[in-house]
Amino acid sequence: MTKIAKRNLSDSRLTAVRKRRLAKLARRPDYQIDTSELPELTEKFWQNAVRNPYYRPLKKQLTLRLDADVIAWLRRQGKGYQTRANALLRNVMLAELNPKITIARKSRSSRPSAA
């Protein structure tokens, strides 16, 4: 069995020369960067874009205190209540980071609230 080694840029140490080159690049204004070979990405492109199917965010274990009725509600929906809680929090986070998406989501999936 072959072991697959996973490496990314953060695994390699930056030498002083690399750090200087990166700092110099970061200081360059956008207008000095030649993007003529890169096509402009339009809204149409992003409408058809999908998340990488192999993407899995890193999970971090922690203790979180939630109201008992919230936990009961999540558990009533069946197995995977922690995953659902994570998905709910992620949706709120993404909505806060990109308000335009929030408006589109709300208009598509607006449900009357229970009083």
N, C-alpha and C. Protein backbone atom coordinates (compact mmCIF):
# COMPACT_ATOMS: atom_id res chain seq x y z
N MET A 1 0.84 -1.18 0.00
CA MET A 1 0.00 0.00 0.00
C MET A 1 0.89 1.25 0.00
N THR A 2 0.60 2.16 -0.88
CA THR A 2 1.38 3.38 -0.99
C THR A 2 0.79 4.46 -0.10
N LYS A 3 1.63 5.10 0.66
CA LYS A 3 1.17 6.17 1.52
C LYS A 3 1.22 7.48 0.73
N ILE A 4 0.12 8.20 0.76
CA ILE A 4 0.05 9.47 0.05
C ILE A 4 0.46 10.57 1.02
N ALA A 5 1.46 11.30 0.65
CA ALA A 5 1.92 12.41 1.49
C ALA A 5 1.21 13.68 1.05
N LYS A 6 0.65 14.36 1.99
CA LYS A 6 -0.05 15.60 1.69
C LYS A 6 0.81 16.76 2.16
N ARG A 7 1.13 17.64 1.23
CA ARG A 7 1.95 18.81 1.57
C ARG A 7 1.29 20.04 0.99
N ASN A 8 1.49 21.12 1.65
CA ASN A 8 1.03 22.38 1.09
C ASN A 8 2.10 23.43 1.33
N LEU A 9 1.86 24.63 0.84
CA LEU A 9 2.89 25.67 0.93
C LEU A 9 3.26 26.01 2.36
N SER A 10 2.32 25.88 3.28
CA SER A 10 2.63 26.23 4.66
C SER A 10 3.57 25.23 5.31
N ASP A 11 3.74 24.04 4.69
CA ASP A 11 4.66 23.05 5.23
C ASP A 11 6.12 23.41 4.94
N SER A 12 6.36 24.14 3.86
CA SER A 12 7.75 24.49 3.52
C SER A 12 8.13 25.78 4.23
N ARG A 13 9.35 25.80 4.68
CA ARG A 13 9.84 26.99 5.39
C ARG A 13 10.27 28.04 4.38
N LEU A 14 9.94 29.27 4.69
CA LEU A 14 10.32 30.36 3.80
C LEU A 14 11.72 30.83 4.18
N THR A 15 12.57 30.89 3.18
CA THR A 15 13.91 31.41 3.41
C THR A 15 13.82 32.93 3.41
N ALA A 16 14.88 33.57 3.84
CA ALA A 16 14.90 35.04 3.86
C ALA A 16 14.74 35.60 2.46
N VAL A 17 15.33 34.94 1.47
CA VAL A 17 15.22 35.40 0.09
C VAL A 17 13.78 35.31 -0.39
N ARG A 18 13.11 34.18 -0.09
CA ARG A 18 11.71 34.02 -0.48
C ARG A 18 10.83 35.05 0.20
N LYS A 19 11.07 35.30 1.47
CA LYS A 19 10.28 36.30 2.20
C LYS A 19 10.42 37.67 1.57
N ARG A 20 11.64 38.03 1.17
CA ARG A 20 11.87 39.34 0.54
C ARG A 20 11.15 39.42 -0.80
N ARG A 21 11.21 38.34 -1.60
CA ARG A 21 10.54 38.35 -2.89
C ARG A 21 9.03 38.46 -2.73
N LEU A 22 8.47 37.74 -1.77
CA LEU A 22 7.03 37.81 -1.54
C LEU A 22 6.61 39.19 -1.05
N ALA A 23 7.41 39.78 -0.18
CA ALA A 23 7.10 41.12 0.32
C ALA A 23 7.14 42.13 -0.83
N LYS A 24 8.14 41.99 -1.72
CA LYS A 24 8.25 42.88 -2.86
C LYS A 24 7.04 42.74 -3.78
N LEU A 25 6.60 41.51 -4.03
CA LEU A 25 5.42 41.28 -4.85
C LEU A 25 4.16 41.85 -4.20
N ALA A 26 4.03 41.71 -2.91
CA ALA A 26 2.85 42.19 -2.20
C ALA A 26 2.76 43.72 -2.25
N ARG A 27 3.89 44.38 -2.34
CA ARG A 27 3.89 45.85 -2.39
C ARG A 27 3.53 46.40 -3.76
N ARG A 28 3.55 45.56 -4.80
CA ARG A 28 3.25 46.02 -6.15
C ARG A 28 1.78 46.42 -6.25
N PRO A 29 1.50 47.55 -6.87
CA PRO A 29 0.10 47.92 -7.09
C PRO A 29 -0.53 47.01 -8.16
N ASP A 30 -1.83 46.87 -8.11
CA ASP A 30 -2.54 45.98 -9.02
C ASP A 30 -2.32 46.33 -10.50
N TYR A 31 -2.22 47.62 -10.79
CA TYR A 31 -2.10 48.01 -12.19
C TYR A 31 -0.77 47.56 -12.80
N GLN A 32 0.21 47.20 -12.00
CA GLN A 32 1.50 46.73 -12.52
C GLN A 32 1.50 45.22 -12.80
N ILE A 33 0.45 44.54 -12.44
CA ILE A 33 0.38 43.10 -12.64
C ILE A 33 -0.25 42.83 -14.00
N ASP A 34 0.45 42.09 -14.85
CA ASP A 34 -0.02 41.78 -16.20
C ASP A 34 -1.00 40.61 -16.14
N THR A 35 -2.26 40.90 -16.39
CA THR A 35 -3.30 39.86 -16.39
C THR A 35 -3.86 39.63 -17.79
N SER A 36 -3.11 40.05 -18.83
CA SER A 36 -3.62 39.96 -20.19
C SER A 36 -3.88 38.53 -20.64
N GLU A 37 -3.16 37.56 -20.08
CA GLU A 37 -3.36 36.16 -20.47
C GLU A 37 -4.48 35.48 -19.68
N LEU A 38 -5.02 36.15 -18.69
CA LEU A 38 -6.07 35.58 -17.86
C LEU A 38 -7.43 36.10 -18.33
N PRO A 39 -8.39 35.22 -18.59
CA PRO A 39 -9.70 35.70 -19.00
C PRO A 39 -10.43 36.34 -17.81
N GLU A 40 -11.24 37.32 -18.13
CA GLU A 40 -12.05 37.98 -17.10
C GLU A 40 -13.16 37.02 -16.66
N LEU A 41 -13.34 36.84 -15.36
CA LEU A 41 -14.39 35.95 -14.86
C LEU A 41 -15.67 36.77 -14.66
N THR A 42 -16.69 36.37 -15.37
CA THR A 42 -17.96 37.09 -15.33
C THR A 42 -18.91 36.44 -14.33
N GLU A 43 -20.03 37.08 -14.10
CA GLU A 43 -21.06 36.52 -13.21
C GLU A 43 -21.56 35.18 -13.74
N LYS A 44 -21.63 35.03 -15.05
CA LYS A 44 -22.09 33.79 -15.66
C LYS A 44 -21.19 32.62 -15.24
N PHE A 45 -19.88 32.87 -15.20
CA PHE A 45 -18.94 31.83 -14.77
C PHE A 45 -19.26 31.38 -13.34
N TRP A 46 -19.47 32.32 -12.46
CA TRP A 46 -19.68 31.98 -11.05
C TRP A 46 -21.04 31.34 -10.81
N GLN A 47 -22.03 31.59 -11.67
CA GLN A 47 -23.33 30.95 -11.53
C GLN A 47 -23.24 29.44 -11.71
N ASN A 48 -22.31 29.00 -12.54
CA ASN A 48 -22.17 27.57 -12.82
C ASN A 48 -21.07 26.92 -11.98
N ALA A 49 -20.39 27.70 -11.18
CA ALA A 49 -19.28 27.16 -10.39
C ALA A 49 -19.81 26.27 -9.27
N VAL A 50 -19.06 25.23 -8.96
CA VAL A 50 -19.40 24.34 -7.85
C VAL A 50 -18.18 24.19 -6.95
N ARG A 51 -18.44 23.94 -5.70
CA ARG A 51 -17.36 23.73 -4.74
C ARG A 51 -16.62 22.44 -5.08
N ASN A 52 -15.35 22.43 -4.86
CA ASN A 52 -14.54 21.24 -5.08
C ASN A 52 -15.17 20.07 -4.32
N PRO A 53 -15.52 18.98 -4.99
CA PRO A 53 -16.18 17.87 -4.30
C PRO A 53 -15.28 17.19 -3.26
N TYR A 54 -13.99 17.41 -3.34
CA TYR A 54 -13.05 16.79 -2.40
C TYR A 54 -12.71 17.72 -1.23
N TYR A 55 -13.29 18.93 -1.24
CA TYR A 55 -13.03 19.89 -0.18
C TYR A 55 -13.69 19.45 1.12
N ARG A 56 -12.93 19.40 2.18
CA ARG A 56 -13.47 19.10 3.51
C ARG A 56 -12.80 20.05 4.49
N PRO A 57 -13.56 20.97 5.06
CA PRO A 57 -12.94 21.89 6.00
C PRO A 57 -12.43 21.15 7.23
N LEU A 58 -11.38 21.68 7.82
CA LEU A 58 -10.85 21.08 9.03
C LEU A 58 -11.85 21.25 10.16
N LYS A 59 -12.02 20.22 10.93
CA LYS A 59 -12.93 20.28 12.08
C LYS A 59 -12.09 20.46 13.33
N LYS A 60 -12.65 21.16 14.29
CA LYS A 60 -11.97 21.40 15.55
C LYS A 60 -12.94 21.08 16.67
N GLN A 61 -12.50 20.23 17.58
CA GLN A 61 -13.39 19.85 18.68
C GLN A 61 -13.38 20.94 19.74
N LEU A 62 -14.58 21.25 20.24
CA LEU A 62 -14.70 22.23 21.31
C LEU A 62 -15.97 21.96 22.09
N THR A 63 -16.08 22.60 23.22
CA THR A 63 -17.29 22.49 24.03
C THR A 63 -18.11 23.75 23.81
N LEU A 64 -19.38 23.55 23.50
CA LEU A 64 -20.27 24.67 23.20
C LEU A 64 -21.53 24.48 24.01
N ARG A 65 -21.94 25.49 24.73
CA ARG A 65 -23.16 25.40 25.53
C ARG A 65 -24.32 25.99 24.75
N LEU A 66 -25.31 25.14 24.49
CA LEU A 66 -26.51 25.55 23.77
C LEU A 66 -27.73 25.34 24.66
N ASP A 67 -28.77 26.07 24.37
CA ASP A 67 -30.01 25.90 25.11
C ASP A 67 -30.56 24.50 24.86
N ALA A 68 -31.18 23.93 25.88
CA ALA A 68 -31.70 22.56 25.81
C ALA A 68 -32.74 22.41 24.70
N ASP A 69 -33.59 23.43 24.52
CA ASP A 69 -34.62 23.31 23.48
C ASP A 69 -34.01 23.33 22.08
N VAL A 70 -32.90 24.04 21.90
CA VAL A 70 -32.21 24.06 20.60
C VAL A 70 -31.64 22.68 20.30
N ILE A 71 -31.00 22.07 21.29
CA ILE A 71 -30.44 20.72 21.10
C ILE A 71 -31.56 19.72 20.83
N ALA A 72 -32.66 19.82 21.56
CA ALA A 72 -33.78 18.91 21.35
C ALA A 72 -34.33 19.05 19.93
N TRP A 73 -34.45 20.28 19.46
CA TRP A 73 -34.94 20.53 18.10
C TRP A 73 -34.01 19.90 17.06
N LEU A 74 -32.70 20.06 17.23
CA LEU A 74 -31.74 19.48 16.30
C LEU A 74 -31.80 17.95 16.33
N ARG A 75 -31.90 17.38 17.52
CA ARG A 75 -31.92 15.92 17.65
C ARG A 75 -33.21 15.31 17.12
N ARG A 76 -34.33 16.03 17.22
CA ARG A 76 -35.61 15.52 16.71
C ARG A 76 -35.56 15.28 15.21
N GLN A 77 -34.68 15.98 14.52
CA GLN A 77 -34.58 15.84 13.07
C GLN A 77 -33.79 14.60 12.66
N GLY A 78 -33.30 13.86 13.64
CA GLY A 78 -32.61 12.60 13.34
C GLY A 78 -31.11 12.68 13.55
N LYS A 79 -30.46 11.61 13.12
CA LYS A 79 -29.02 11.47 13.30
C LYS A 79 -28.27 12.61 12.58
N GLY A 80 -27.17 13.04 13.15
CA GLY A 80 -26.35 14.08 12.53
C GLY A 80 -26.67 15.48 13.01
N TYR A 81 -27.12 15.59 14.24
CA TYR A 81 -27.53 16.92 14.72
C TYR A 81 -26.35 17.89 14.81
N GLN A 82 -25.15 17.38 15.10
CA GLN A 82 -23.99 18.26 15.18
C GLN A 82 -23.62 18.79 13.80
N THR A 83 -23.75 17.95 12.79
CA THR A 83 -23.49 18.37 11.41
C THR A 83 -24.50 19.42 10.98
N ARG A 84 -25.76 19.23 11.37
CA ARG A 84 -26.79 20.23 11.05
C ARG A 84 -26.52 21.55 11.75
N ALA A 85 -26.11 21.48 13.01
CA ALA A 85 -25.79 22.71 13.75
C ALA A 85 -24.64 23.44 13.06
N ASN A 86 -23.64 22.69 12.61
CA ASN A 86 -22.50 23.29 11.90
C ASN A 86 -22.97 23.94 10.61
N ALA A 87 -23.86 23.26 9.87
CA ALA A 87 -24.37 23.80 8.61
C ALA A 87 -25.16 25.09 8.85
N LEU A 88 -25.96 25.12 9.90
CA LEU A 88 -26.72 26.34 10.23
C LEU A 88 -25.78 27.50 10.54
N LEU A 89 -24.75 27.24 11.34
CA LEU A 89 -23.79 28.28 11.67
C LEU A 89 -23.02 28.73 10.43
N ARG A 90 -22.66 27.78 9.57
CA ARG A 90 -21.94 28.12 8.34
C ARG A 90 -22.79 29.02 7.45
N ASN A 91 -24.08 28.71 7.31
CA ASN A 91 -24.97 29.54 6.49
C ASN A 91 -25.05 30.96 7.02
N VAL A 92 -25.14 31.11 8.32
CA VAL A 92 -25.19 32.45 8.91
C VAL A 92 -23.87 33.17 8.67
N MET A 93 -22.75 32.45 8.83
CA MET A 93 -21.43 33.05 8.60
C MET A 93 -21.30 33.52 7.16
N LEU A 94 -21.67 32.66 6.20
CA LEU A 94 -21.56 33.03 4.79
C LEU A 94 -22.48 34.19 4.44
N ALA A 95 -23.67 34.19 5.03
CA ALA A 95 -24.61 35.29 4.78
C ALA A 95 -24.04 36.62 5.28
N GLU A 96 -23.36 36.56 6.40
CA GLU A 96 -22.76 37.78 6.94
C GLU A 96 -21.58 38.24 6.09
N LEU A 97 -20.82 37.28 5.56
CA LEU A 97 -19.66 37.62 4.75
C LEU A 97 -20.06 38.13 3.38
N ASN A 98 -21.19 37.65 2.84
CA ASN A 98 -21.63 38.07 1.52
C ASN A 98 -23.12 38.37 1.55
N PRO A 99 -23.50 39.60 1.87
CA PRO A 99 -24.92 39.95 2.01
C PRO A 99 -25.74 39.76 0.74
N LYS A 100 -25.14 39.83 -0.45
CA LYS A 100 -25.89 39.66 -1.69
C LYS A 100 -26.49 38.26 -1.77
N ILE A 101 -25.77 37.26 -1.31
CA ILE A 101 -26.26 35.89 -1.34
C ILE A 101 -27.43 35.73 -0.38
N THR A 102 -27.38 36.42 0.75
CA THR A 102 -28.44 36.32 1.74
C THR A 102 -29.78 36.73 1.14
N ILE A 103 -29.79 37.82 0.40
CA ILE A 103 -31.03 38.32 -0.19
C ILE A 103 -31.58 37.29 -1.17
N ALA A 104 -30.72 36.71 -1.99
CA ALA A 104 -31.17 35.72 -2.97
C ALA A 104 -31.71 34.48 -2.27
N ARG A 105 -31.04 34.02 -1.23
CA ARG A 105 -31.49 32.83 -0.51
C ARG A 105 -32.83 33.07 0.16
N LYS A 106 -32.97 34.23 0.79
CA LYS A 106 -34.21 34.52 1.52
C LYS A 106 -35.39 34.59 0.56
N SER A 107 -35.18 35.16 -0.60
CA SER A 107 -36.30 35.28 -1.53
C SER A 107 -36.72 33.94 -2.09
N ARG A 108 -35.77 32.98 -2.23
CA ARG A 108 -36.10 31.67 -2.74
C ARG A 108 -36.73 30.79 -1.70
N SER A 109 -36.25 30.89 -0.47
CA SER A 109 -36.69 29.92 0.54
C SER A 109 -37.34 30.60 1.74
N SER A 110 -38.14 31.64 1.48
CA SER A 110 -38.79 32.30 2.61
C SER A 110 -39.98 31.46 3.05
N ARG A 111 -39.97 31.14 4.33
CA ARG A 111 -41.07 30.36 4.90
C ARG A 111 -41.75 31.22 5.95
N PRO A 112 -43.04 31.07 6.10
CA PRO A 112 -43.70 31.85 7.16
C PRO A 112 -43.21 31.36 8.53
N SER A 113 -42.98 32.31 9.39
CA SER A 113 -42.49 31.94 10.72
C SER A 113 -43.64 31.49 11.60
N ALA A 114 -43.34 30.53 12.47
CA ALA A 114 -44.35 30.02 13.41
C ALA A 114 -44.46 30.98 14.57
N ALA A 115 -45.65 31.41 14.88
CA ALA A 115 -45.83 32.37 15.97
C ALA A 115 -46.25 31.66 17.23
